[in-house]
Amino acid sequence: MNIRFLFYKTKASLKFFYSARVLVFVLCITSVNIIAQSVALKGQMWGSLLRGDDPPIGRSNFEQKWGYIPVVSYTKDLANNSLLDLEWAHKLGKVYAGDYSIGSLDAPYRLWFRYSSDLFEARLGLQKISFGPAMILRSLSWFDTIDIKDPTGQTDAVEALRLRVFPSNSIGLWLWSIKNEQDTLSFGGRTELSINAGEFGFTYHRDQSALPQSIGQSPVYIASAHQRIAFDYRYDGFIGLWLETAGIFSNSKNSTQPNKFTLFTVGSDYTIPIGPGLLVMVESMNIRELSTVTNNAKTHNYTAFMASLPVNMLVQLMFITQVDWESNNVYHFLSSGITFDHFSINLILSSSPARREYDIAEEFLPKTTSGFGKGIQLMLIYNH
């Protein structure tokens, strides 16, 4: 079957898939036999209290977040070592400034079906797609919102059909079709190679949306249809080494906005034999943007330092400093986490530039206390 035809057909299938989601899961849950043998119920509940010294005008210094993600999964073993499984999860929650509600969380978090065997995997629905070795300054955070500083480990998902093929233990091939927020389909693929010299990745993606959009968690903002190509590499030896490099090229020749971007991240880590082992890491990112209409070019440079220490089996400490060399903004983050089986307590101290230090009008800055000035946050997480 023609792959392009299959991907376009997937768009209609996804709409039916989501309209039928309630019926599917009610049938799964009400089936006594399935519940007894193949259905798992789990979830994550969290609550946090943040006190910052630079809130938005008219807002409280205190910000609260409460949420819960229930997860239902179903697994069925098939013949020839193959497997059929599905997962549903929904995010619920509230955000308060003082005792005033400033937002709510009520959105699908995961909803996918998957067929897998030893050599093949196909997954359809709202799912996480993530790749690349970088940990903080991620040139390849194209489809996820993973943040190492978030103790919940949550990340946004995309509506997609993803195929993976494993011809051998050292080679992996990916194909995907993703429906974006502009309700258009984009296409891409990735090849992964693992050998003694390290792990290599080659990625290509084509987005046909003509509407402006941001690319992942980077400051890249592109205003038309475009293509993305990337190469990444990781080596684990005496020290760990990795790099991610990407090019994003717009098809537009008329806009004065940047239409070509290059992103380059290089990183290294090493475990110092102090106590259980002190992991130190440094990453550096360079982003260059260019307008082929005006020939204007601009460069951004960032550096991140991290130190992580497992004090014992229960306590974990992590310190991160990030530097934006262009604006001379510096961000500090210190967290201490204590985990008891399914329950964890996290104390987070942060220091970021104040609102007045950004070259952006106050009304365009995020309406949150988090990420501005100095803050202290207590977060409780329960995974069941």
Protein backbone atom coordinates (compact mmCIF):
# COMPACT_ATOMS: atom_id res chain seq x y z
CA MET A 1 0.00 0.00 0.00
CA ASN A 2 1.25 3.51 -0.81
CA ILE A 3 2.56 5.05 2.43
CA ARG A 4 1.32 8.57 1.60
CA PHE A 5 -2.20 7.23 0.96
CA LEU A 6 -2.05 5.36 4.27
CA PHE A 7 -1.10 8.51 6.15
CA TYR A 8 -3.89 10.59 4.62
CA LYS A 9 -6.37 7.83 5.38
CA THR A 10 -5.11 7.94 8.98
CA LYS A 11 -6.49 11.49 9.41
CA ALA A 12 -10.06 10.28 8.98
CA SER A 13 -9.34 7.26 11.14
CA LEU A 14 -8.10 9.45 13.99
CA LYS A 15 -11.36 11.43 14.05
CA PHE A 16 -13.36 8.23 14.34
CA PHE A 17 -10.87 6.92 16.89
CA TYR A 18 -11.46 9.85 19.22
CA SER A 19 -15.23 9.97 18.81
CA ALA A 20 -15.41 6.30 19.83
CA ARG A 21 -13.00 6.46 22.76
CA VAL A 22 -15.63 6.53 25.49
CA LEU A 23 -17.44 3.48 24.12
CA VAL A 24 -14.20 1.51 23.76
CA PHE A 25 -13.10 2.04 27.33
CA VAL A 26 -16.52 1.46 28.83
CA LEU A 27 -16.62 -1.90 27.06
CA CYS A 28 -13.14 -2.72 28.31
CA ILE A 29 -13.81 -1.79 31.91
CA THR A 30 -17.21 -3.48 32.13
CA SER A 31 -15.94 -6.77 30.80
CA VAL A 32 -15.24 -8.86 33.88
CA ASN A 33 -13.00 -11.23 31.99
CA ILE A 34 -10.83 -8.45 30.61
CA ILE A 35 -10.54 -6.74 33.98
CA ALA A 36 -9.50 -9.96 35.63
CA GLN A 37 -6.82 -10.79 33.08
CA SER A 38 -5.59 -7.78 31.11
CA VAL A 39 -6.66 -4.34 32.39
CA ALA A 40 -4.48 -2.22 34.68
CA LEU A 41 -5.66 0.88 36.52
CA LYS A 42 -3.02 3.38 37.60
CA GLY A 43 -2.46 7.11 37.78
CA GLN A 44 -0.54 10.09 39.05
CA MET A 45 -1.80 12.67 41.55
CA TRP A 46 0.14 15.82 42.37
CA GLY A 47 -0.15 19.07 44.24
CA SER A 48 2.24 21.99 44.56
CA LEU A 49 2.50 25.28 46.41
CA LEU A 50 4.79 27.97 44.99
CA ARG A 51 5.79 31.21 46.67
CA GLY A 52 7.47 33.72 44.32
CA ASP A 53 8.63 37.30 44.74
CA ASP A 54 7.75 38.56 41.23
CA PRO A 55 4.10 37.71 40.44
CA PRO A 56 2.08 39.30 37.61
CA ILE A 57 0.51 42.66 38.44
CA GLY A 58 -2.54 42.18 40.66
CA ARG A 59 -1.76 38.53 41.42
CA SER A 60 -0.88 36.78 44.67
CA ASN A 61 2.70 35.74 45.45
CA PHE A 62 1.34 32.24 46.08
CA GLU A 63 0.42 29.85 43.27
CA GLN A 64 -1.13 26.40 43.74
CA LYS A 65 -1.52 23.53 41.28
CA TRP A 66 -3.51 20.36 41.85
CA GLY A 67 -4.00 17.58 39.35
CA TYR A 68 -4.68 13.93 38.65
CA ILE A 69 -4.07 11.72 35.62
CA PRO A 70 -6.01 8.42 35.73
CA VAL A 71 -4.60 5.78 33.38
CA VAL A 72 -6.35 2.67 32.03
CA SER A 73 -4.32 0.19 30.01
CA TYR A 74 -5.27 -3.08 28.32
CA THR A 75 -2.91 -5.80 27.11
CA LYS A 76 -3.60 -8.95 25.12
CA ASP A 77 -0.98 -11.50 24.06
CA LEU A 78 -1.33 -12.76 20.50
CA ALA A 79 0.28 -15.59 18.58
CA ASN A 80 3.91 -15.53 17.41
CA ASN A 81 5.17 -13.37 20.30
CA SER A 82 3.04 -10.41 19.24
CA LEU A 83 1.05 -8.10 21.50
CA LEU A 84 -1.99 -5.84 21.30
CA ASP A 85 -2.30 -3.07 23.89
CA LEU A 86 -3.93 0.30 24.40
CA GLU A 87 -3.77 3.13 26.91
CA TRP A 88 -6.11 5.94 27.94
CA ALA A 89 -5.20 8.81 30.26
CA HIS A 90 -6.85 12.15 30.97
CA LYS A 91 -5.36 15.16 32.76
CA LEU A 92 -7.52 16.96 35.34
CA GLY A 93 -6.53 19.82 37.60
CA LYS A 94 -6.71 23.42 38.76
CA VAL A 95 -4.32 26.35 39.07
CA TYR A 96 -4.83 29.03 41.73
CA ALA A 97 -3.22 32.41 42.43
CA GLY A 98 -3.86 32.70 46.16
CA ASP A 99 -7.45 31.50 46.49
CA TYR A 100 -8.45 32.73 43.00
CA SER A 101 -8.71 30.17 40.18
CA ILE A 102 -6.63 31.26 37.19
CA GLY A 103 -6.85 28.11 35.08
CA SER A 104 -7.99 24.54 34.81
CA LEU A 105 -6.59 21.31 33.40
CA ASP A 106 -9.10 19.13 31.56
CA ALA A 107 -7.63 17.55 28.46
CA PRO A 108 -6.78 14.16 26.94
CA TYR A 109 -3.28 13.06 27.96
CA ARG A 110 -2.90 9.69 26.19
CA LEU A 111 -5.16 7.60 23.97
CA TRP A 112 -3.49 5.08 21.70
CA PHE A 113 -3.72 1.55 20.29
CA ARG A 114 -0.58 -0.47 19.54
CA TYR A 115 0.31 -3.70 17.81
CA SER A 116 3.87 -4.94 18.35
CA SER A 117 6.02 -7.96 17.65
CA ASP A 118 9.74 -8.73 17.81
CA LEU A 119 10.41 -6.89 14.53
CA PHE A 120 7.55 -4.39 14.15
CA GLU A 121 5.45 -1.88 16.08
CA ALA A 122 2.47 0.26 14.98
CA ARG A 123 0.90 2.80 17.37
CA LEU A 124 -2.10 5.01 16.54
CA GLY A 125 -3.51 7.87 18.62
CA LEU A 126 -2.47 10.51 21.15
CA GLN A 127 1.05 9.47 22.09
CA LYS A 128 4.53 10.62 23.11
CA ILE A 129 7.14 10.85 20.33
CA SER A 130 10.57 11.74 21.69
CA PHE A 131 14.15 11.16 20.54
CA GLY A 132 17.66 12.57 20.87
CA PRO A 133 20.30 12.26 23.64
CA ALA A 134 20.38 15.87 24.96
CA MET A 135 18.91 16.39 28.44
CA ILE A 136 18.29 20.15 28.85
CA LEU A 137 19.16 22.11 25.68
CA ARG A 138 17.36 19.84 23.24
CA SER A 139 17.64 20.62 19.54
CA LEU A 140 15.37 17.64 18.83
CA SER A 141 12.46 18.38 21.19
CA TRP A 142 10.19 18.61 18.14
CA PHE A 143 7.12 16.78 19.45
CA ASP A 144 7.44 16.66 23.25
CA THR A 145 7.69 18.99 26.26
CA ILE A 146 10.00 16.90 28.45
CA ASP A 147 11.63 19.01 31.19
CA ILE A 148 14.22 17.40 33.45
CA LYS A 149 13.32 19.95 36.14
CA ASP A 150 9.71 18.69 36.38
CA PRO A 151 9.47 15.95 39.06
CA THR A 152 6.21 14.60 37.57
CA GLY A 153 7.95 13.61 34.31
CA GLN A 154 4.89 14.64 32.31
CA THR A 155 5.04 15.63 28.63
CA ASP A 156 2.51 16.68 26.01
CA ALA A 157 1.61 14.23 23.27
CA VAL A 158 0.73 14.40 19.56
CA GLU A 159 -1.99 12.74 17.48
CA ALA A 160 -0.08 10.41 15.23
CA LEU A 161 0.42 7.11 13.48
CA ARG A 162 3.91 5.83 14.23
CA LEU A 163 5.51 2.74 12.70
CA ARG A 164 8.77 1.23 13.90
CA VAL A 165 10.69 -1.63 12.27
CA PHE A 166 13.68 -3.45 13.78
CA PRO A 167 15.57 -5.35 11.03
CA SER A 168 18.30 -6.27 13.55
CA ASN A 169 19.35 -5.55 17.11
CA SER A 170 21.46 -2.62 15.92
CA ILE A 171 19.06 -0.91 13.48
CA GLY A 172 15.72 0.79 14.07
CA LEU A 173 13.54 2.48 11.43
CA TRP A 174 10.72 4.93 12.27
CA LEU A 175 7.91 6.39 10.15
CA TRP A 176 5.22 8.77 11.40
CA SER A 177 2.33 10.96 10.36
CA ILE A 178 1.28 13.68 12.83
CA LYS A 179 -1.84 15.85 12.89
CA ASN A 180 -0.81 19.26 14.20
CA GLU A 181 -2.79 22.08 15.79
CA GLN A 182 -3.54 23.52 12.34
CA ASP A 183 -5.38 20.27 11.52
CA THR A 184 -2.96 19.33 8.75
CA LEU A 185 -0.83 16.21 8.44
CA SER A 186 2.95 16.25 8.61
CA PHE A 187 5.24 13.33 7.77
CA GLY A 188 8.65 12.12 8.84
CA GLY A 189 10.97 9.29 9.69
CA ARG A 190 14.07 8.35 11.60
CA THR A 191 16.87 5.78 11.35
CA GLU A 192 18.78 4.66 14.45
CA LEU A 193 22.06 2.73 14.36
CA SER A 194 23.79 1.30 17.43
CA ILE A 195 27.38 0.05 17.07
CA ASN A 196 30.51 -0.11 19.24
CA ALA A 197 31.45 3.43 18.23
CA GLY A 198 28.19 4.84 19.61
CA GLU A 199 24.54 5.42 18.79
CA PHE A 200 23.62 7.38 15.66
CA GLY A 201 20.31 8.90 14.61
CA PHE A 202 19.18 10.44 11.29
CA THR A 203 15.82 12.24 11.20
CA TYR A 204 13.68 13.93 8.53
CA HIS A 205 10.32 15.69 8.93
CA ARG A 206 8.12 17.65 6.51
CA ASP A 207 5.40 19.97 7.83
CA GLN A 208 2.95 21.32 5.25
CA SER A 209 1.11 23.75 7.53
CA ALA A 210 1.17 27.34 6.26
CA LEU A 211 0.33 28.82 9.67
CA PRO A 212 2.98 30.15 12.11
CA GLN A 213 4.18 27.73 14.78
CA SER A 214 6.96 27.24 17.30
CA ILE A 215 9.31 24.26 16.99
CA GLY A 216 9.48 22.22 20.17
CA GLN A 217 10.90 23.96 23.24
CA SER A 218 13.44 26.05 21.32
CA PRO A 219 12.96 29.76 20.50
CA VAL A 220 12.55 28.81 16.82
CA TYR A 221 9.34 30.26 15.36
CA ILE A 222 8.59 29.59 11.71
CA ALA A 223 5.74 31.06 9.67
CA SER A 224 5.17 28.65 6.78
CA ALA A 225 5.52 25.09 5.51
CA HIS A 226 8.99 23.72 6.13
CA GLN A 227 11.34 20.73 6.28
CA ARG A 228 13.51 19.54 9.17
CA ILE A 229 16.61 17.37 9.00
CA ALA A 230 18.72 16.24 11.95
CA PHE A 231 21.66 14.12 13.02
CA ASP A 232 22.39 13.00 16.58
CA TYR A 233 25.08 10.89 18.22
CA ARG A 234 25.84 9.54 21.69
CA TYR A 235 28.89 7.73 23.03
CA ASP A 236 29.09 6.16 26.50
CA GLY A 237 32.64 5.51 27.61
CA PHE A 238 34.91 6.90 30.32
CA ILE A 239 32.85 10.04 29.86
CA GLY A 240 29.55 10.43 28.04
CA LEU A 241 29.51 12.52 24.86
CA TRP A 242 26.60 13.52 22.64
CA LEU A 243 25.50 15.98 20.02
CA GLU A 244 22.32 17.00 18.26
CA THR A 245 22.33 19.08 15.10
CA ALA A 246 19.27 20.14 13.13
CA GLY A 247 18.36 22.29 10.15
CA ILE A 248 14.88 23.78 9.65
CA PHE A 249 14.16 25.26 6.23
CA SER A 250 11.01 27.10 5.20
CA ASN A 251 9.61 26.95 1.68
CA SER A 252 8.64 30.64 1.83
CA LYS A 253 10.66 33.17 -0.19
CA ASN A 254 8.46 36.21 0.48
CA SER A 255 8.49 36.81 4.24
CA THR A 256 11.10 38.99 5.90
CA GLN A 257 10.91 36.72 8.96
CA PRO A 258 13.68 34.12 9.43
CA ASN A 259 13.10 31.10 7.19
CA LYS A 260 16.26 29.08 7.83
CA PHE A 261 17.47 27.83 11.21
CA THR A 262 20.38 25.69 12.34
CA LEU A 263 20.51 24.22 15.86
CA PHE A 264 23.54 22.56 17.39
CA THR A 265 23.79 21.03 20.88
CA VAL A 266 26.88 19.34 22.29
CA GLY A 267 27.08 17.79 25.75
CA SER A 268 29.15 15.66 28.07
CA ASP A 269 28.73 14.02 31.47
CA TYR A 270 30.93 12.25 33.98
CA THR A 271 30.27 10.52 37.30
CA ILE A 272 32.68 11.63 40.03
CA PRO A 273 33.27 8.91 42.67
CA ILE A 274 31.86 10.91 45.59
CA GLY A 275 29.46 8.95 47.79
CA PRO A 276 27.07 6.97 45.56
CA GLY A 277 28.36 8.95 42.56
CA LEU A 278 28.07 12.65 41.68
CA LEU A 279 26.90 13.08 38.08
CA VAL A 280 28.08 16.32 36.49
CA MET A 281 26.91 17.43 33.05
CA VAL A 282 27.40 20.38 30.71
CA GLU A 283 25.53 21.19 27.50
CA SER A 284 25.91 24.06 25.06
CA MET A 285 23.48 25.07 22.31
CA ASN A 286 23.93 27.37 19.31
CA ILE A 287 20.95 28.55 17.26
CA ARG A 288 21.43 30.56 14.07
CA GLU A 289 18.47 32.10 12.23
CA LEU A 290 18.57 33.63 8.76
CA SER A 291 16.17 35.42 6.43
CA THR A 292 17.04 34.73 2.79
CA VAL A 293 14.94 37.76 1.79
CA THR A 294 16.82 40.35 3.86
CA ASN A 295 20.02 38.33 4.49
CA ASN A 296 19.71 39.22 8.17
CA ALA A 297 21.26 36.63 10.48
CA LYS A 298 21.09 36.28 14.25
CA THR A 299 22.81 33.90 16.66
CA HIS A 300 21.73 32.65 20.10
CA ASN A 301 24.02 30.78 22.51
CA TYR A 302 23.02 28.92 25.67
CA THR A 303 24.86 26.82 28.24
CA ALA A 304 23.53 24.51 30.94
CA PHE A 305 25.36 22.93 33.89
CA MET A 306 23.90 20.15 36.03
CA ALA A 307 25.03 18.24 39.11
CA SER A 308 22.96 15.33 40.44
CA LEU A 309 23.64 13.28 43.56
CA PRO A 310 21.65 10.33 44.96
CA VAL A 311 22.33 10.89 48.69
CA ASN A 312 20.90 7.47 49.52
CA MET A 313 18.16 5.12 48.32
CA LEU A 314 15.48 7.71 49.14
CA VAL A 315 16.96 11.20 48.67
CA GLN A 316 18.04 12.80 45.36
CA LEU A 317 19.63 16.25 44.95
CA MET A 318 19.89 18.11 41.64
CA PHE A 319 21.31 21.54 40.78
CA ILE A 320 20.99 23.21 37.35
CA THR A 321 22.29 26.53 36.05
CA GLN A 322 21.34 27.83 32.61
CA VAL A 323 22.90 30.86 30.88
CA ASP A 324 21.50 32.86 27.96
CA TRP A 325 24.67 34.53 26.67
CA GLU A 326 22.88 37.00 24.39
CA SER A 327 20.69 38.55 27.10
CA ASN A 328 23.06 37.68 30.00
CA ASN A 329 20.14 36.06 31.82
CA VAL A 330 21.05 33.34 34.32
CA TYR A 331 18.66 30.73 35.76
CA HIS A 332 19.34 28.59 38.86
CA PHE A 333 17.38 25.55 39.99
CA LEU A 334 17.93 23.38 43.08
CA SER A 335 15.70 20.44 43.95
CA SER A 336 15.63 17.86 46.72
CA GLY A 337 13.40 14.84 46.30
CA ILE A 338 12.50 12.14 48.82
CA THR A 339 10.74 9.03 47.51
CA PHE A 340 8.82 6.51 49.62
CA ASP A 341 7.53 3.70 47.40
CA HIS A 342 4.76 5.43 45.37
CA PHE A 343 4.93 8.77 47.18
CA SER A 344 7.48 11.59 46.74
CA ILE A 345 8.09 14.99 48.33
CA ASN A 346 10.02 17.59 46.32
CA LEU A 347 11.39 20.90 47.56
CA ILE A 348 12.44 23.24 44.72
CA LEU A 349 14.35 26.53 44.97
CA SER A 350 14.68 28.67 41.84
CA SER A 351 16.17 31.99 40.80
CA SER A 352 15.28 33.56 37.44
CA PRO A 353 15.45 37.05 35.92
CA ALA A 354 12.71 39.43 37.07
CA ARG A 355 9.96 40.46 34.67
CA ARG A 356 11.52 43.89 34.13
CA GLU A 357 14.74 42.27 32.89
CA TYR A 358 13.06 40.78 29.80
CA ASP A 359 12.87 42.83 26.62
CA ILE A 360 9.16 42.00 26.38
CA ALA A 361 6.17 44.10 27.46
CA GLU A 362 4.55 42.95 30.72
CA GLU A 363 1.25 42.07 29.03
CA PHE A 364 2.97 39.56 26.75
CA LEU A 365 4.77 37.65 29.53
CA PRO A 366 3.20 34.46 30.95
CA LYS A 367 0.59 35.14 33.63
CA THR A 368 2.28 32.94 36.19
CA THR A 369 4.58 33.40 39.17
CA SER A 370 6.73 30.47 38.09
CA GLY A 371 9.88 31.34 36.16
CA PHE A 372 10.28 34.93 37.37
CA GLY A 373 12.39 36.17 40.28
CA LYS A 374 13.11 33.95 43.26
CA GLY A 375 10.77 31.15 44.27
CA ILE A 376 10.33 28.24 46.62
CA GLN A 377 8.03 25.34 45.74
CA LEU A 378 6.80 22.28 47.58
CA MET A 379 5.42 19.48 45.40
CA LEU A 380 3.79 16.22 46.52
CA ILE A 381 3.39 13.39 44.00
CA TYR A 382 1.59 10.08 44.39
CA ASN A 383 1.92 7.37 41.71
CA HIS A 384 -0.34 4.34 42.04
